[in-house]
Amino acid sequence: MKKEISYIYMAILLVSIAFLNVRCTSNENADISLGNIEKSNQVLDTIGTTLFKAPIGNSSYSLWNTCSTKPYLTETGICVPVGGQECSSNYLAAQQIEGQVCNGMQFYGCFKGGSNAPDGSNEEAVYVADDVVNWTGQEFGFVKTLNDNALKAYLQGRGVPTVFALISINDNGYHTFRALVNTSNHKQIDYYVDGIYKQSLTNSNIDYSSRLCYFVGTTHRTSDTWNSTGQQIEMYNMVTY
């Protein structure tokens, strides 16, 4: 009888140890999962340095227009339509009121475009800029030309030609768009869609790192001879790095 009881106690002890091990393993996994959730608010650049995102709320933007079509706030983001035919030169924008030092930008949204505009000066763009008065300074981001519905990475610098690189054609869907100053070459910007690297652009004379920047979404109609119904940009979860 004593021998049987000893076996029973031993079995209970083994079960208890196994249960404790499972609990410890579960807690460790929970900690790892929590760490992954925390890291989801960060992005790792190509050499492993962590860059933190600074969110920009809808109330941080000034909405402006040149004619009767207006940009507007949605429940969770901002919509900037392409201006209508009420005037030949029709510009709309959502422009961040106060800037911040940044090394990149990101947003979730879409460029809903078309290919019926007479030329590529009719466009949609989302970008960061250090000059929101004359618009001749350093800028980088994404632009869609509305004569061919082509989305391009673009890089502007004061006193140098603006450069472009094709990303996609006829894609009006929702994606996460990101543009970052390259950490080893501050004259280069790297462009990503849904976390996938797409293009790099360089202006050899300009350092784009740690500049004061303003987040901007804009549409430009430069002629009134075409129908832009349904063409617009939508921006959600705007952040800078």
Foldseek 3Di string as FASTA:
>chain_A
DVVVVVVVVVVVVVVVVVVVVVVVVVVVVVVVVVVVVVCVQWDAAPVGDIDGKDWDALVQWDKDKDDDDTKDADPFWTKAAADALPDQKIKIKTKGPFWFFFFKKKWKWWFFAAQWAPDQVFKKWKWKFQDPDPPQAWIWGWMAGRNFRWIWTWTHHHPDDIDIDTQDTPDGDIWMKMWGQHPVHQQKIWIDTNNHTGDMDGDPPDRNHGGTIMIMIMGIRNGSPDGRPPGIIITGRMIGD
